[in-house]
Amino acid sequence: MNDVLHGALLGVYPLVPQATISVGEISQRWTGRRSLSQSGTGDLEHGNDRWFVPWPRAPARGRFSGWGALMQVAVAQSVIGWEAATTAVHAAAQHADSLGIRVNIAVVDTGGNLAAFLRMPGAFLHSIDIAIDKAYTAASFGLPTSHWHAALQQESVAVREGIVRRPRFVVFGGGLPIKQADQRIGGIGVSGGSEAQDEACAQAGLAAIGLTL
């Protein structure tokens, strides 16, 4: 087997020295279809994985060569489901009600996209965006927003003063990452009470879907 395919099948994707691969060899070693464009780029399918092969020039007489390596074009990513997201915001609201406070609750997925939101009647209007940004911050870094104050003390002045100026970055309590089996699948943010109350509501939301930090 040539170096390109051998490296790819082992999961090694750096550029490899120039090699020549026959169309027949690929068709024998890979299941699925193969196409090759005039620009010299081809894509291969193996099982559920799709790979793109960048080649600098078009093939000649059924063969193609050049610098390149197989690369995986798309990867699967787990995100929080809509049922879990809505369950979490409702549970957080119920806990807030038991504390006698009115809050806004947001859940986002790993891309920061809003998955669920709930505003209790009477909750502060400014807290709408704060709750969403707490969830966004927690999902972005995988760190509870209440931990940022201590974490930044170890950094330079430039980092401490610069990162807090980032849009949508929140450094006070109420935002928690949502993780399942150590994999981040989203974030939950609560705003409207004290920092401790907001975080307790967020924890109640996680508990309702069987998760903890």
Protein backbone atom coordinates (compact mmCIF):
# COMPACT_ATOMS: atom_id res chain seq x y z
CA MET A 1 0.00 0.00 0.00
CA ASN A 2 1.39 3.43 -0.86
CA ASP A 3 2.36 5.98 1.76
CA VAL A 4 -0.68 8.24 1.31
CA LEU A 5 -3.33 5.60 1.89
CA HIS A 6 -1.25 3.83 4.53
CA GLY A 7 -0.87 7.03 6.55
CA ALA A 8 -4.54 7.92 6.18
CA LEU A 9 -5.82 4.55 7.30
CA LEU A 10 -3.61 4.77 10.37
CA GLY A 11 -5.16 8.12 11.20
CA VAL A 12 -2.07 10.15 10.27
CA TYR A 13 -2.92 13.21 8.18
CA PRO A 14 0.20 15.37 7.58
CA LEU A 15 1.52 15.98 4.08
CA VAL A 16 3.47 13.02 2.79
CA PRO A 17 6.13 12.78 0.07
CA GLN A 18 5.00 12.67 -3.54
CA ALA A 19 3.36 9.37 -4.43
CA THR A 20 1.46 7.90 -7.34
CA ILE A 21 -1.81 6.04 -6.71
CA SER A 22 -3.74 4.13 -9.31
CA VAL A 23 -7.49 4.44 -9.55
CA GLY A 24 -7.73 0.68 -9.46
CA GLU A 25 -5.82 0.46 -6.20
CA ILE A 26 -8.17 2.86 -4.47
CA SER A 27 -11.27 1.08 -5.75
CA GLN A 28 -9.93 -2.20 -4.44
CA ARG A 29 -8.98 -0.89 -1.00
CA TRP A 30 -11.90 1.48 -0.35
CA THR A 31 -15.59 0.66 -0.40
CA GLY A 32 -18.05 3.23 -1.72
CA ARG A 33 -17.64 5.53 -4.69
CA ARG A 34 -14.78 7.68 -5.86
CA SER A 35 -14.91 10.84 -7.95
CA LEU A 36 -12.12 13.00 -9.27
CA SER A 37 -12.53 16.53 -10.59
CA GLN A 38 -10.55 18.17 -13.37
CA SER A 39 -8.69 20.24 -10.81
CA GLY A 40 -7.08 17.09 -9.52
CA THR A 41 -9.07 16.86 -6.29
CA GLY A 42 -10.91 13.72 -5.36
CA ASP A 43 -13.21 12.55 -2.62
CA LEU A 44 -13.49 9.10 -1.16
CA GLU A 45 -16.13 7.53 1.01
CA HIS A 46 -15.38 4.76 3.49
CA GLY A 47 -18.24 3.69 5.70
CA ASN A 48 -19.78 6.84 7.19
CA ASP A 49 -16.61 8.88 6.79
CA ARG A 50 -15.98 11.21 3.86
CA TRP A 51 -12.44 12.19 2.90
CA PHE A 52 -11.15 14.87 0.55
CA VAL A 53 -7.90 14.39 -1.34
CA PRO A 54 -6.21 17.63 -2.48
CA TRP A 55 -4.05 17.07 -5.56
CA PRO A 56 -2.31 19.86 -7.50
CA ARG A 57 -3.10 18.63 -11.00
CA ALA A 58 -5.50 16.48 -12.97
CA PRO A 59 -4.84 12.77 -13.46
CA ALA A 60 -3.30 11.29 -16.57
CA ARG A 61 -4.36 7.92 -18.00
CA GLY A 62 -6.22 6.77 -14.88
CA ARG A 63 -3.56 7.74 -12.37
CA PHE A 64 -3.09 10.80 -10.18
CA SER A 65 -0.10 11.98 -8.18
CA GLY A 66 1.18 14.91 -6.22
CA TRP A 67 1.55 16.28 -2.73
CA GLY A 68 -1.49 15.61 -0.61
CA ALA A 69 -3.09 13.58 2.13
CA LEU A 70 -6.52 12.26 2.85
CA MET A 71 -8.49 14.56 5.15
CA GLN A 72 -11.79 14.07 6.91
CA VAL A 73 -14.13 16.81 5.68
CA ALA A 74 -16.87 16.48 8.31
CA VAL A 75 -16.98 15.16 11.87
CA ALA A 76 -19.88 14.21 14.11
CA GLN A 77 -20.55 16.46 17.09
CA SER A 78 -22.90 15.83 20.01
CA VAL A 79 -25.16 18.68 21.16
CA ILE A 80 -27.86 18.90 23.79
CA GLY A 81 -31.26 17.72 22.56
CA TRP A 82 -34.36 19.93 22.59
CA GLU A 83 -36.14 17.77 25.18
CA ALA A 84 -33.22 17.98 27.60
CA ALA A 85 -32.85 21.72 26.98
CA THR A 86 -36.49 22.46 27.72
CA THR A 87 -36.49 20.16 30.75
CA ALA A 88 -33.46 21.98 32.16
CA VAL A 89 -34.94 25.47 31.84
CA HIS A 90 -38.22 24.39 33.42
CA ALA A 91 -36.42 22.74 36.36
CA ALA A 92 -34.27 25.86 36.86
CA ALA A 93 -37.43 28.00 36.92
CA GLN A 94 -39.06 25.72 39.46
CA HIS A 95 -36.03 26.04 41.73
CA ALA A 96 -36.06 29.81 41.33
CA ASP A 97 -39.74 29.83 42.31
CA SER A 98 -38.90 27.89 45.46
CA LEU A 99 -36.32 30.58 46.30
CA GLY A 100 -38.86 33.35 45.72
CA ILE A 101 -36.94 34.92 42.82
CA ARG A 102 -37.72 35.57 39.17
CA VAL A 103 -35.06 34.69 36.65
CA ASN A 104 -34.26 34.22 32.99
CA ILE A 105 -32.84 30.85 31.93
CA ALA A 106 -31.04 30.01 28.70
CA VAL A 107 -29.57 26.81 27.29
CA VAL A 108 -27.24 26.83 24.29
CA ASP A 109 -25.57 24.05 22.33
CA THR A 110 -21.83 23.67 21.79
CA GLY A 111 -21.93 26.19 18.96
CA GLY A 112 -23.50 28.83 21.22
CA ASN A 113 -26.85 28.55 19.45
CA LEU A 114 -29.89 29.07 21.65
CA ALA A 115 -31.58 25.72 22.32
CA ALA A 116 -34.13 26.77 24.97
CA PHE A 117 -35.08 29.93 26.85
CA LEU A 118 -37.54 30.75 29.63
CA ARG A 119 -38.34 34.08 31.25
CA MET A 120 -40.30 34.03 34.47
CA PRO A 121 -42.85 36.87 34.69
CA GLY A 122 -41.24 39.79 36.53
CA ALA A 123 -37.65 38.77 35.76
CA PHE A 124 -35.34 41.67 34.95
CA LEU A 125 -35.32 42.55 31.26
CA HIS A 126 -31.57 43.18 31.20
CA SER A 127 -31.10 39.70 32.60
CA ILE A 128 -32.41 38.17 29.37
CA ASP A 129 -29.18 38.81 27.51
CA ILE A 130 -27.07 38.17 30.61
CA ALA A 131 -28.54 34.68 30.99
CA ILE A 132 -27.89 33.89 27.34
CA ASP A 133 -24.33 35.22 27.56
CA LYS A 134 -23.65 33.19 30.71
CA ALA A 135 -24.70 30.04 28.86
CA TYR A 136 -22.61 31.09 25.84
CA THR A 137 -19.51 31.70 27.99
CA ALA A 138 -19.87 28.38 29.81
CA ALA A 139 -20.34 26.47 26.56
CA SER A 140 -17.42 28.29 24.94
CA PHE A 141 -14.79 27.37 27.52
CA GLY A 142 -16.32 24.48 29.48
CA LEU A 143 -15.82 26.41 32.72
CA PRO A 144 -18.47 27.68 35.18
CA THR A 145 -18.65 31.46 34.90
CA SER A 146 -18.13 31.74 38.67
CA HIS A 147 -14.63 30.27 38.26
CA TRP A 148 -13.30 32.98 35.98
CA HIS A 149 -12.37 35.48 38.70
CA ALA A 150 -9.95 33.04 40.32
CA ALA A 151 -8.72 31.68 37.00
CA LEU A 152 -7.79 35.14 35.72
CA GLN A 153 -5.70 35.94 38.78
CA GLN A 154 -3.03 33.61 37.41
CA GLU A 155 -2.85 35.46 34.10
CA SER A 156 -1.08 38.62 33.01
CA VAL A 157 -2.65 42.05 33.30
CA ALA A 158 -3.14 42.07 29.54
CA VAL A 159 -5.17 38.86 29.67
CA ARG A 160 -7.16 39.91 32.73
CA GLU A 161 -8.10 43.26 31.26
CA GLY A 162 -8.43 42.11 27.68
CA ILE A 163 -10.60 39.02 27.91
CA VAL A 164 -13.32 40.70 29.94
CA ARG A 165 -13.78 43.15 27.08
CA ARG A 166 -14.74 40.34 24.75
CA PRO A 167 -18.39 40.56 23.65
CA ARG A 168 -20.71 38.14 25.47
CA PHE A 169 -18.03 37.14 27.99
CA VAL A 170 -19.38 36.87 31.57
CA VAL A 171 -17.14 36.41 34.62
CA PHE A 172 -19.67 36.09 37.43
CA GLY A 173 -21.76 33.17 38.66
CA GLY A 174 -24.79 31.65 37.00
CA GLY A 175 -23.39 29.92 33.91
CA LEU A 176 -22.50 26.22 33.81
CA PRO A 177 -21.20 23.99 31.04
CA ILE A 178 -23.36 21.00 30.18
CA LYS A 179 -21.29 17.84 29.88
CA GLN A 180 -22.17 14.22 29.31
CA ALA A 181 -19.49 11.59 29.81
CA ASP A 182 -16.86 14.37 29.92
CA GLN A 183 -18.02 15.66 26.53
CA ARG A 184 -19.30 19.23 26.35
CA ILE A 185 -22.76 19.36 24.77
CA GLY A 186 -23.85 22.89 25.69
CA GLY A 187 -24.22 25.46 28.47
CA ILE A 188 -26.90 26.78 30.80
CA GLY A 189 -27.14 30.35 32.11
CA VAL A 190 -29.40 31.89 34.74
CA SER A 191 -29.74 35.56 35.63
CA GLY A 192 -32.03 37.49 37.96
CA GLY A 193 -30.99 36.47 41.47
CA SER A 194 -27.69 36.62 43.33
CA GLU A 195 -24.71 34.80 41.87
CA ALA A 196 -25.21 31.91 44.30
CA GLN A 197 -28.94 31.73 43.55
CA ASP A 198 -28.41 31.82 39.81
CA GLU A 199 -25.86 29.01 39.97
CA ALA A 200 -28.12 26.94 42.24
CA CYS A 201 -30.90 27.26 39.65
CA ALA A 202 -28.52 26.21 36.89
CA GLN A 203 -27.45 23.21 38.96
CA ALA A 204 -31.12 22.26 39.40
CA GLY A 205 -31.49 22.40 35.62
CA LEU A 206 -28.59 19.98 35.16
CA ALA A 207 -29.88 17.64 37.87
CA ALA A 208 -33.25 17.42 36.09
CA ILE A 209 -31.57 15.85 33.05
CA GLY A 210 -29.37 13.57 35.10
CA LEU A 211 -26.17 15.59 34.84
CA THR A 212 -23.80 17.28 37.28
CA LEU A 213 -20.47 19.04 37.02
